[in-house]
Amino acid sequence: MKKIIFVSAIVLAGILSSCGDTNYCYEITQKSTILGVETSATTYVWGTSNELDAAIDEIEATFETMGLSKDAYSIKYKKANKSQEDCRK
């Protein structure tokens, strides 16, 4: 749980320090299989494409810290049709 909070804080810091590129709302869906149990989580990130990449890198780093191989998880994203306010809820 601490790792998820840590990742969220880093993503939020990146979003708040945004400059340049156009901001969009992105939906990030992460799936993993641990001990045969599949889990899924969806989060929304408001930011630039560079910030999206940073958020995905942080999620991957968290999975790697947990000892998961790339075969054990997947991360997909797409632009979400949400306003900035709705994206951050």
C-alpha atoms as a PDB file:
ATOM      1  CA  MET A   1       0.000   0.000   0.000  1.00  0.00           C
ATOM      2  CA  LYS A   2       2.865   2.364   0.783  1.00  0.00           C
ATOM      3  CA  LYS A   3       4.240   1.791  -2.712  1.00  0.00           C
ATOM      4  CA  ILE A   4       0.953   2.786  -4.315  1.00  0.00           C
ATOM      5  CA  ILE A   5       0.823   5.972  -2.221  1.00  0.00           C
ATOM      6  CA  PHE A   6       4.449   6.697  -3.126  1.00  0.00           C
ATOM      7  CA  VAL A   7       3.759   6.224  -6.841  1.00  0.00           C
ATOM      8  CA  SER A   8       0.667   8.415  -6.606  1.00  0.00           C
ATOM      9  CA  ALA A   9       2.662  11.182  -4.891  1.00  0.00           C
ATOM     10  CA  ILE A  10       5.309  11.101  -7.605  1.00  0.00           C
ATOM     11  CA  VAL A  11       2.681  11.179 -10.339  1.00  0.00           C
ATOM     12  CA  LEU A  12       0.930  14.107  -8.653  1.00  0.00           C
ATOM     13  CA  ALA A  13       4.225  15.998  -8.299  1.00  0.00           C
ATOM     14  CA  GLY A  14       4.869  15.480 -11.993  1.00  0.00           C
ATOM     15  CA  ILE A  15       1.425  16.714 -12.897  1.00  0.00           C
ATOM     16  CA  LEU A  16       1.776  19.851 -10.808  1.00  0.00           C
ATOM     17  CA  SER A  17       5.132  20.743 -12.368  1.00  0.00           C
ATOM     18  CA  SER A  18       3.862  20.388 -15.925  1.00  0.00           C
ATOM     19  CA  CYS A  19       5.015  22.718 -18.666  1.00  0.00           C
ATOM     20  CA  GLY A  20       4.955  22.720 -22.424  1.00  0.00           C
ATOM     21  CA  ASP A  21       2.924  19.883 -23.923  1.00  0.00           C
ATOM     22  CA  THR A  22      -0.890  19.751 -23.993  1.00  0.00           C
ATOM     23  CA  ASN A  23      -2.588  18.218 -20.962  1.00  0.00           C
ATOM     24  CA  TYR A  24      -5.114  15.426 -21.308  1.00  0.00           C
ATOM     25  CA  CYS A  25      -6.821  12.979 -19.013  1.00  0.00           C
ATOM     26  CA  TYR A  26      -5.366   9.497 -19.388  1.00  0.00           C
ATOM     27  CA  GLU A  27      -6.860   6.266 -18.102  1.00  0.00           C
ATOM     28  CA  ILE A  28      -4.176   3.804 -16.990  1.00  0.00           C
ATOM     29  CA  THR A  29      -5.242   0.190 -16.501  1.00  0.00           C
ATOM     30  CA  GLN A  30      -2.814  -2.134 -14.781  1.00  0.00           C
ATOM     31  CA  LYS A  31      -3.311  -5.872 -14.502  1.00  0.00           C
ATOM     32  CA  SER A  32      -1.132  -8.333 -12.668  1.00  0.00           C
ATOM     33  CA  THR A  33      -1.121 -11.985 -11.735  1.00  0.00           C
ATOM     34  CA  ILE A  34       0.334 -12.876  -8.356  1.00  0.00           C
ATOM     35  CA  LEU A  35       0.218 -16.471  -7.139  1.00  0.00           C
ATOM     36  CA  GLY A  36      -2.385 -17.241  -9.770  1.00  0.00           C
ATOM     37  CA  VAL A  37      -4.694 -14.417  -8.707  1.00  0.00           C
ATOM     38  CA  GLU A  38      -5.366 -11.742 -11.317  1.00  0.00           C
ATOM     39  CA  THR A  39      -5.867  -8.197 -10.072  1.00  0.00           C
ATOM     40  CA  SER A  40      -6.742  -5.057 -11.949  1.00  0.00           C
ATOM     41  CA  ALA A  41      -6.667  -1.349 -11.116  1.00  0.00           C
ATOM     42  CA  THR A  42      -7.587   1.743 -13.106  1.00  0.00           C
ATOM     43  CA  THR A  43      -6.263   5.199 -12.340  1.00  0.00           C
ATOM     44  CA  TYR A  44      -6.627   8.538 -14.083  1.00  0.00           C
ATOM     45  CA  VAL A  45      -3.781  10.968 -14.692  1.00  0.00           C
ATOM     46  CA  TRP A  46      -4.138  14.554 -15.866  1.00  0.00           C
ATOM     47  CA  GLY A  47      -0.999  15.701 -17.618  1.00  0.00           C
ATOM     48  CA  THR A  48       1.198  15.696 -20.678  1.00  0.00           C
ATOM     49  CA  SER A  49       2.357  12.651 -22.597  1.00  0.00           C
ATOM     50  CA  ASN A  50       5.738  12.966 -20.847  1.00  0.00           C
ATOM     51  CA  GLU A  51       4.018  12.838 -17.466  1.00  0.00           C
ATOM     52  CA  LEU A  52       2.022   9.816 -18.612  1.00  0.00           C
ATOM     53  CA  ASP A  53       5.295   8.084 -19.515  1.00  0.00           C
ATOM     54  CA  ALA A  54       6.715   8.951 -16.084  1.00  0.00           C
ATOM     55  CA  ALA A  55       3.604   7.554 -14.367  1.00  0.00           C
ATOM     56  CA  ILE A  56       3.876   4.310 -16.332  1.00  0.00           C
ATOM     57  CA  ASP A  57       7.593   4.066 -15.519  1.00  0.00           C
ATOM     58  CA  GLU A  58       6.788   4.407 -11.818  1.00  0.00           C
ATOM     59  CA  ILE A  59       4.137   1.695 -11.989  1.00  0.00           C
ATOM     60  CA  GLU A  60       6.587  -0.617 -13.764  1.00  0.00           C
ATOM     61  CA  ALA A  61       9.250   0.143 -11.148  1.00  0.00           C
ATOM     62  CA  THR A  62       6.786  -0.765  -8.395  1.00  0.00           C
ATOM     63  CA  PHE A  63       5.984  -4.091 -10.058  1.00  0.00           C
ATOM     64  CA  GLU A  64       9.697  -4.814 -10.502  1.00  0.00           C
ATOM     65  CA  THR A  65      10.336  -3.974  -6.830  1.00  0.00           C
ATOM     66  CA  MET A  66       7.667  -6.526  -5.963  1.00  0.00           C
ATOM     67  CA  GLY A  67       9.641  -9.072  -7.984  1.00  0.00           C
ATOM     68  CA  LEU A  68       7.146  -9.432 -10.838  1.00  0.00           C
ATOM     69  CA  SER A  69       8.432 -10.208 -14.311  1.00  0.00           C
ATOM     70  CA  LYS A  70       7.062  -8.323 -17.311  1.00  0.00           C
ATOM     71  CA  ASP A  71       5.042 -11.435 -18.180  1.00  0.00           C
ATOM     72  CA  ALA A  72       3.145 -11.150 -14.882  1.00  0.00           C
ATOM     73  CA  TYR A  73       1.710  -7.676 -15.473  1.00  0.00           C
ATOM     74  CA  SER A  74       0.410  -5.377 -18.177  1.00  0.00           C
ATOM     75  CA  ILE A  75      -0.113  -1.649 -18.308  1.00  0.00           C
ATOM     76  CA  LYS A  76      -2.377  -0.043 -20.890  1.00  0.00           C
ATOM     77  CA  TYR A  77      -3.492   3.533 -21.304  1.00  0.00           C
ATOM     78  CA  LYS A  78      -5.838   5.607 -23.391  1.00  0.00           C
ATOM     79  CA  LYS A  79      -7.089   9.167 -23.456  1.00  0.00           C
ATOM     80  CA  ALA A  80     -10.190   9.551 -21.353  1.00  0.00           C
ATOM     81  CA  ASN A  81     -12.960  11.974 -22.216  1.00  0.00           C
ATOM     82  CA  LYS A  82     -12.904  13.727 -18.841  1.00  0.00           C
ATOM     83  CA  SER A  83     -12.349  17.297 -17.774  1.00  0.00           C
ATOM     84  CA  GLN A  84      -9.395  18.180 -15.587  1.00  0.00           C
ATOM     85  CA  GLU A  85     -11.624  18.329 -12.525  1.00  0.00           C
ATOM     86  CA  ASP A  86     -13.295  14.988 -13.238  1.00  0.00           C
ATOM     87  CA  CYS A  87      -9.972  13.337 -14.057  1.00  0.00           C
ATOM     88  CA  ARG A  88      -8.489  14.182 -10.662  1.00  0.00           C
ATOM     89  CA  LYS A  89     -11.413  12.833  -8.647  1.00  0.00           C
END
